[in-house]
N, C-alpha and C. Protein backbone atom coordinates (compact mmCIF):
# COMPACT_ATOMS: atom_id res chain seq x y z
N MET A 1 0.98 -1.05 -0.16
CA MET A 1 -0.15 -0.09 -0.17
C MET A 1 1.26 0.96 -0.31
N SER A 2 0.10 2.77 -1.12
CA SER A 2 1.67 3.28 -0.65
C SER A 2 0.58 4.48 -1.23
N THR A 3 0.96 5.39 -1.20
CA THR A 3 0.03 7.39 -1.62
C THR A 3 1.70 7.85 -2.26
N ARG A 4 1.71 8.62 -3.21
CA ARG A 4 2.32 9.93 -3.70
C ARG A 4 1.92 10.77 -2.53
N ASP A 5 3.39 11.01 -1.94
CA ASP A 5 3.95 12.68 -1.51
C ASP A 5 3.55 13.37 -2.51
N ASN A 6 2.88 14.74 -2.47
CA ASN A 6 2.72 15.68 -3.17
C ASN A 6 4.16 16.32 -3.23
N ASN A 7 4.11 16.71 -2.51
CA ASN A 7 5.34 18.39 -1.87
C ASN A 7 6.94 17.28 -2.86
N SER A 8 6.98 15.63 -3.18
CA SER A 8 8.27 16.04 -4.08
C SER A 8 8.18 14.82 -4.68
N GLN A 9 6.56 14.90 -4.97
CA GLN A 9 5.89 13.24 -5.71
C GLN A 9 7.18 12.14 -5.68
N ARG A 10 7.27 11.73 -4.29
CA ARG A 10 7.70 10.90 -4.15
C ARG A 10 6.74 9.45 -3.49
N GLU A 11 7.44 8.27 -3.71
CA GLU A 11 5.52 7.85 -3.28
C GLU A 11 6.29 6.59 -1.61
N VAL A 12 4.77 7.23 -1.04
CA VAL A 12 5.39 6.61 0.56
C VAL A 12 4.55 5.44 1.12
N ARG A 13 5.46 4.55 1.47
CA ARG A 13 5.26 3.24 2.12
C ARG A 13 4.60 3.74 2.64
N LEU A 14 2.56 2.77 3.07
CA LEU A 14 1.87 3.26 3.93
C LEU A 14 2.15 2.19 4.99
N ALA A 15 2.92 0.59 3.95
CA ALA A 15 2.22 -0.68 5.24
C ALA A 15 3.71 -0.97 4.00
N TYR A 16 4.24 -2.49 4.60
CA TYR A 16 5.47 -3.53 4.22
C TYR A 16 4.58 -4.58 4.11
N THR A 17 4.68 -5.60 2.53
CA THR A 17 4.30 -6.98 3.20
C THR A 17 5.22 -7.75 3.88
N ARG A 18 5.44 -9.79 3.77
CA ARG A 18 6.07 -10.19 5.31
C ARG A 18 7.53 -10.02 4.91
N THR A 19 7.42 -10.11 3.32
CA THR A 19 9.06 -9.85 2.93
C THR A 19 9.51 -8.13 3.71
N GLU A 20 8.58 -7.63 2.93
CA GLU A 20 9.25 -5.82 2.21
C GLU A 20 9.77 -5.75 3.73
N ALA A 21 8.90 -6.11 5.36
CA ALA A 21 8.98 -5.95 6.78
C ALA A 21 10.35 -6.71 7.12
N ALA A 22 10.16 -7.68 6.61
CA ALA A 22 11.91 -8.54 7.32
C ALA A 22 12.55 -8.02 6.59
N ARG A 23 12.84 -6.77 5.26
CA ARG A 23 13.94 -5.79 5.07
C ARG A 23 14.16 -5.23 5.32
N ALA A 24 12.76 -4.51 6.03
CA ALA A 24 13.20 -3.46 6.54
C ALA A 24 13.59 -2.84 8.12
N LEU A 25 13.56 -3.92 8.27
CA LEU A 25 13.95 -4.67 10.04
C LEU A 25 15.79 -5.61 9.72
N GLY A 26 15.68 -5.79 8.56
CA GLY A 26 17.33 -6.68 8.77
C GLY A 26 17.18 -7.66 9.16
N VAL A 27 15.97 -8.30 8.64
CA VAL A 27 15.79 -9.69 9.65
C VAL A 27 14.85 -11.16 8.39
N THR A 28 14.62 -11.87 8.65
CA THR A 28 14.04 -12.91 7.45
C THR A 28 12.62 -12.71 7.56
N PRO A 29 12.00 -13.74 6.76
CA PRO A 29 10.53 -13.10 6.66
C PRO A 29 10.33 -14.60 7.59
N ILE A 30 11.15 -15.31 7.68
CA ILE A 30 10.47 -15.94 9.02
C ILE A 30 10.54 -15.29 10.83
N THR A 31 11.55 -14.70 10.63
CA THR A 31 11.27 -14.24 11.67
C THR A 31 9.92 -13.08 12.32
N ILE A 32 10.25 -12.74 11.24
CA ILE A 32 8.53 -11.56 11.06
C ILE A 32 7.08 -12.80 11.56
N ASP A 33 7.37 -14.70 10.86
CA ASP A 33 6.24 -15.07 11.14
C ASP A 33 5.98 -14.71 12.73
N ARG A 34 7.10 -15.35 12.56
CA ARG A 34 7.67 -15.76 14.83
C ARG A 34 7.03 -14.47 15.13
N LEU A 35 7.48 -13.61 14.92
CA LEU A 35 7.47 -12.42 15.61
C LEU A 35 5.67 -12.20 15.76
N ALA A 36 4.90 -12.47 15.60
CA ALA A 36 3.31 -12.16 14.26
C ALA A 36 2.83 -13.16 14.88
N LYS A 37 3.98 -14.39 15.52
CA LYS A 37 2.32 -15.21 15.87
C LYS A 37 2.75 -15.44 17.95
N ARG A 38 3.85 -15.31 17.75
CA ARG A 38 3.92 -14.59 19.17
C ARG A 38 3.28 -12.83 19.78
N GLY A 39 2.79 -11.97 18.84
CA GLY A 39 1.75 -11.28 18.57
C GLY A 39 2.76 -10.02 19.46
N LEU A 40 4.30 -9.84 18.79
CA LEU A 40 5.22 -9.05 18.67
C LEU A 40 5.11 -7.88 18.17
N LEU A 41 4.61 -8.46 16.83
CA LEU A 41 4.61 -7.79 15.93
C LEU A 41 3.11 -7.62 14.87
N LYS A 42 1.93 -6.50 14.22
CA LYS A 42 0.61 -7.43 14.47
C LYS A 42 0.21 -6.79 13.15
N PRO A 43 0.05 -7.67 12.46
CA PRO A 43 -0.36 -7.21 10.96
C PRO A 43 -1.47 -6.56 10.75
N SER A 44 -2.04 -6.15 9.73
CA SER A 44 -3.01 -5.54 8.83
C SER A 44 -3.70 -7.09 8.61
N ARG A 45 -4.92 -7.21 8.15
CA ARG A 45 -5.20 -8.66 7.69
C ARG A 45 -6.26 -7.99 6.81
N ALA A 46 -6.47 -6.96 6.59
CA ALA A 46 -6.87 -5.98 5.72
C ALA A 46 -7.31 -6.47 4.67
N THR A 47 -6.01 -7.55 3.62
CA THR A 47 -5.65 -7.59 1.94
C THR A 47 -5.17 -9.63 2.60
N ARG A 48 -5.93 -10.50 1.84
CA ARG A 48 -5.45 -11.38 1.64
C ARG A 48 -4.24 -12.02 2.25
N ARG A 49 -3.32 -11.60 2.25
CA ARG A 49 -1.98 -11.52 2.30
C ARG A 49 -1.42 -9.97 3.95
N PRO A 50 -1.19 -10.65 5.12
CA PRO A 50 -0.23 -10.17 5.92
C PRO A 50 0.14 -8.02 5.41
N LEU A 51 -0.32 -7.39 6.07
CA LEU A 51 0.52 -6.07 5.49
C LEU A 51 1.03 -6.08 7.15
N TYR A 52 2.05 -5.50 7.45
CA TYR A 52 2.85 -4.57 8.07
C TYR A 52 2.61 -2.91 8.53
N SER A 53 1.74 -2.51 8.40
CA SER A 53 2.33 -1.08 8.43
C SER A 53 3.71 -0.34 9.23
N VAL A 54 3.88 0.95 8.30
CA VAL A 54 5.17 1.81 8.89
C VAL A 54 5.17 1.67 10.96
N ARG A 55 3.54 2.26 10.83
CA ARG A 55 3.68 2.69 12.50
C ARG A 55 4.01 1.71 13.61
N GLU A 56 3.12 0.45 12.62
CA GLU A 56 3.31 -1.05 14.04
C GLU A 56 4.67 -1.54 13.94
N ILE A 57 5.33 -1.78 12.16
CA ILE A 57 6.72 -1.29 12.40
C ILE A 57 7.88 -1.10 13.65
N GLU A 58 7.30 0.20 13.33
CA GLU A 58 8.02 1.64 14.29
C GLU A 58 7.76 1.49 16.02
N ARG A 59 5.97 0.34 15.85
CA ARG A 59 5.96 0.62 17.29
C ARG A 59 7.05 -0.56 17.97
N PHE A 60 6.91 -1.21 17.08
CA PHE A 60 7.35 -3.07 17.57
C PHE A 60 9.05 -2.12 17.88
N LEU A 61 9.48 -1.34 17.13
CA LEU A 61 11.48 -0.53 17.46
C LEU A 61 11.56 -0.36 17.95
N ALA A 62 10.13 0.11 18.36
CA ALA A 62 10.66 1.52 19.55
C ALA A 62 10.17 0.56 21.26
N GLU A 63 9.30 0.20 21.36
CA GLU A 63 8.88 -1.21 22.21
C GLU A 63 10.47 -2.23 22.99
N THR A 64 10.90 -2.21 22.06
CA THR A 64 11.72 -3.52 22.21
C THR A 64 13.64 -2.58 23.03
N SER A 65 13.87 -1.40 21.31
CA SER A 65 14.50 -1.21 21.65
C SER A 65 15.32 -0.82 23.35
N ASP A 66 13.95 -1.14 23.84
CA ASP A 66 13.98 -0.44 25.93
C ASP A 66 14.62 -1.72 26.35
N ASN A 67 13.91 -3.38 26.21
CA ASN A 67 14.33 -4.43 27.05
C ASN A 67 16.11 -4.39 25.83
N GLY A 68 17.31 -3.65 24.74
CA GLY A 68 17.86 -4.36 24.73
C GLY A 68 18.04 -5.28 23.00
N GLY A 69 16.48 -5.46 22.76
CA GLY A 69 16.44 -5.99 21.24
C GLY A 69 16.28 -7.73 21.37
N SER A 70 15.87 -7.81 22.27
CA SER A 70 15.56 -9.82 22.48
C SER A 70 14.40 -10.07 23.04
N PHE A 71 14.16 -9.79 21.02
CA PHE A 71 12.47 -9.89 21.03
C PHE A 71 13.02 -11.77 19.97
N LEU A 72 13.35 -12.21 19.51
CA LEU A 72 14.15 -13.79 19.09
C LEU A 72 13.88 -14.71 19.96
């Protein structure tokens, strides 16, 4: 899911697929599945495949950065 930013004419991503979210976090797609199964990363189920919003990824990073990143 994306939208265009009128000021700079660039595409702004609102959500990522499982693979894209993994790439953004620097982990494997399997790790994304594990995090979702544990309830640490919550995908949107608005479409056929799960999408991970930028806000959700930012929330996850903020919450896990306080405890030394021990989310695996």
